[in-house]
Amino acid sequence: MSRYSMDEREAFVAMSRFVWQFANRAGDDLLTLLGDIGVEADGGTTDPAAWNDWLACVRSVVGDAEDPAGGSAECPGMSRIRSR
């Protein structure tokens, strides 16, 4: 059950922010990121903090939350997305 609704562009921006947030915190280790975001049988992520990080990125796109990536994932057109 989802609390958020996103179009494709908003989802892409959230994903970009999530990856940048990870890179800013943990470096460019893609294998670690992939391990952290694996979905377990119970529906949780391998690293529970990864889910919270993802939600923060979603909220920064569809809500009024600050960009957790510190603006690293800012892209042209974001003001249009935010103004919706």
C-alpha atoms as a PDB file:
ATOM      1  CA  MET A   1       0.000   0.000   0.000  1.00  0.00           C
ATOM      2  CA  SER A   2       1.499   3.295  -1.095  1.00  0.00           C
ATOM      3  CA  ARG A   3       1.078   6.699   0.492  1.00  0.00           C
ATOM      4  CA  TYR A   4       2.636   8.501  -2.469  1.00  0.00           C
ATOM      5  CA  SER A   5       1.788   8.903  -6.112  1.00  0.00           C
ATOM      6  CA  MET A   6       4.565   9.696  -8.572  1.00  0.00           C
ATOM      7  CA  ASP A   7       4.842   9.980 -12.314  1.00  0.00           C
ATOM      8  CA  GLU A   8       7.800   8.517 -14.184  1.00  0.00           C
ATOM      9  CA  ARG A   9       9.896  11.695 -14.054  1.00  0.00           C
ATOM     10  CA  GLU A  10       9.345  12.168 -10.329  1.00  0.00           C
ATOM     11  CA  ALA A  11      10.279   8.522  -9.700  1.00  0.00           C
ATOM     12  CA  PHE A  12      13.444   8.987 -11.765  1.00  0.00           C
ATOM     13  CA  VAL A  13      14.415  12.096  -9.775  1.00  0.00           C
ATOM     14  CA  ALA A  14      13.780  10.239  -6.497  1.00  0.00           C
ATOM     15  CA  MET A  15      15.959   7.346  -7.713  1.00  0.00           C
ATOM     16  CA  SER A  16      18.703   9.759  -8.727  1.00  0.00           C
ATOM     17  CA  ARG A  17      18.610  11.429  -5.320  1.00  0.00           C
ATOM     18  CA  PHE A  18      18.720   8.032  -3.611  1.00  0.00           C
ATOM     19  CA  VAL A  19      21.832   6.996  -5.555  1.00  0.00           C
ATOM     20  CA  TRP A  20      23.528  10.370  -4.944  1.00  0.00           C
ATOM     21  CA  GLN A  21      22.664  10.209  -1.244  1.00  0.00           C
ATOM     22  CA  PHE A  22      24.272   6.778  -1.046  1.00  0.00           C
ATOM     23  CA  ALA A  23      27.354   7.936  -2.986  1.00  0.00           C
ATOM     24  CA  ASN A  24      27.758  11.012  -0.762  1.00  0.00           C
ATOM     25  CA  ARG A  25      27.618   8.850   2.346  1.00  0.00           C
ATOM     26  CA  ALA A  26      29.252   5.570   1.331  1.00  0.00           C
ATOM     27  CA  GLY A  27      31.180   6.176  -1.874  1.00  0.00           C
ATOM     28  CA  ASP A  28      30.721   4.636  -5.262  1.00  0.00           C
ATOM     29  CA  ASP A  29      30.429   0.973  -4.254  1.00  0.00           C
ATOM     30  CA  LEU A  30      27.556  -0.200  -6.448  1.00  0.00           C
ATOM     31  CA  LEU A  31      27.648  -3.755  -5.116  1.00  0.00           C
ATOM     32  CA  THR A  32      27.097  -2.513  -1.558  1.00  0.00           C
ATOM     33  CA  LEU A  33      24.163  -0.402  -2.726  1.00  0.00           C
ATOM     34  CA  LEU A  34      22.627  -3.360  -4.537  1.00  0.00           C
ATOM     35  CA  GLY A  35      23.076  -5.502  -1.435  1.00  0.00           C
ATOM     36  CA  ASP A  36      21.442  -2.849   0.763  1.00  0.00           C
ATOM     37  CA  ILE A  37      18.323  -2.575  -1.400  1.00  0.00           C
ATOM     38  CA  GLY A  38      17.579  -6.260  -1.822  1.00  0.00           C
ATOM     39  CA  VAL A  39      14.009  -7.124  -0.848  1.00  0.00           C
ATOM     40  CA  GLU A  40      13.699  -9.889   1.752  1.00  0.00           C
ATOM     41  CA  ALA A  41      10.905 -12.478   1.935  1.00  0.00           C
ATOM     42  CA  ASP A  42       9.149 -10.394   4.589  1.00  0.00           C
ATOM     43  CA  GLY A  43       9.056  -7.392   2.225  1.00  0.00           C
ATOM     44  CA  GLY A  44      11.728  -5.403   4.051  1.00  0.00           C
ATOM     45  CA  THR A  45      15.026  -4.342   2.553  1.00  0.00           C
ATOM     46  CA  THR A  46      18.304  -6.091   3.347  1.00  0.00           C
ATOM     47  CA  ASP A  47      19.413  -2.883   5.052  1.00  0.00           C
ATOM     48  CA  PRO A  48      16.364  -1.338   6.766  1.00  0.00           C
ATOM     49  CA  ALA A  49      18.004   2.090   6.631  1.00  0.00           C
ATOM     50  CA  ALA A  50      17.890   1.888   2.821  1.00  0.00           C
ATOM     51  CA  TRP A  51      14.089   1.947   2.929  1.00  0.00           C
ATOM     52  CA  ASN A  52      14.104   5.051   5.124  1.00  0.00           C
ATOM     53  CA  ASP A  53      16.624   6.686   2.787  1.00  0.00           C
ATOM     54  CA  TRP A  54      14.370   5.878  -0.178  1.00  0.00           C
ATOM     55  CA  LEU A  55      11.307   7.352   1.529  1.00  0.00           C
ATOM     56  CA  ALA A  56      13.251  10.533   2.310  1.00  0.00           C
ATOM     57  CA  CYS A  57      14.097  10.871  -1.379  1.00  0.00           C
ATOM     58  CA  VAL A  58      10.479  10.269  -2.397  1.00  0.00           C
ATOM     59  CA  ARG A  59       9.279  12.872   0.098  1.00  0.00           C
ATOM     60  CA  SER A  60      11.805  15.362  -1.267  1.00  0.00           C
ATOM     61  CA  VAL A  61      10.243  15.025  -4.712  1.00  0.00           C
ATOM     62  CA  VAL A  62       6.519  14.822  -3.941  1.00  0.00           C
ATOM     63  CA  GLY A  63       6.440  16.694  -0.651  1.00  0.00           C
ATOM     64  CA  ASP A  64       8.116  19.561   1.104  1.00  0.00           C
ATOM     65  CA  ALA A  65      11.077  17.609   2.478  1.00  0.00           C
ATOM     66  CA  GLU A  66      14.638  18.744   1.865  1.00  0.00           C
ATOM     67  CA  ASP A  67      16.733  16.921  -0.747  1.00  0.00           C
ATOM     68  CA  PRO A  68      18.694  14.336   1.294  1.00  0.00           C
ATOM     69  CA  ALA A  69      21.318  14.253  -1.448  1.00  0.00           C
ATOM     70  CA  GLY A  70      22.146  17.871  -0.685  1.00  0.00           C
ATOM     71  CA  GLY A  71      21.195  19.094  -4.142  1.00  0.00           C
ATOM     72  CA  SER A  72      23.493  16.656  -5.933  1.00  0.00           C
ATOM     73  CA  ALA A  73      20.546  15.300  -7.883  1.00  0.00           C
ATOM     74  CA  GLU A  74      19.019  18.640  -8.821  1.00  0.00           C
ATOM     75  CA  CYS A  75      18.092  18.639 -12.455  1.00  0.00           C
ATOM     76  CA  PRO A  76      16.466  20.945 -14.987  1.00  0.00           C
ATOM     77  CA  GLY A  77      12.714  21.019 -14.575  1.00  0.00           C
ATOM     78  CA  MET A  78      12.671  20.344 -10.820  1.00  0.00           C
ATOM     79  CA  SER A  79      10.968  23.676 -10.113  1.00  0.00           C
ATOM     80  CA  ARG A  80       8.166  22.575 -12.443  1.00  0.00           C
ATOM     81  CA  ILE A  81       7.858  19.246 -10.599  1.00  0.00           C
ATOM     82  CA  ARG A  82       7.879  20.929  -7.187  1.00  0.00           C
ATOM     83  CA  SER A  83       5.219  23.442  -8.215  1.00  0.00           C
ATOM     84  CA  ARG A  84       2.586  20.747  -8.780  1.00  0.00           C
END
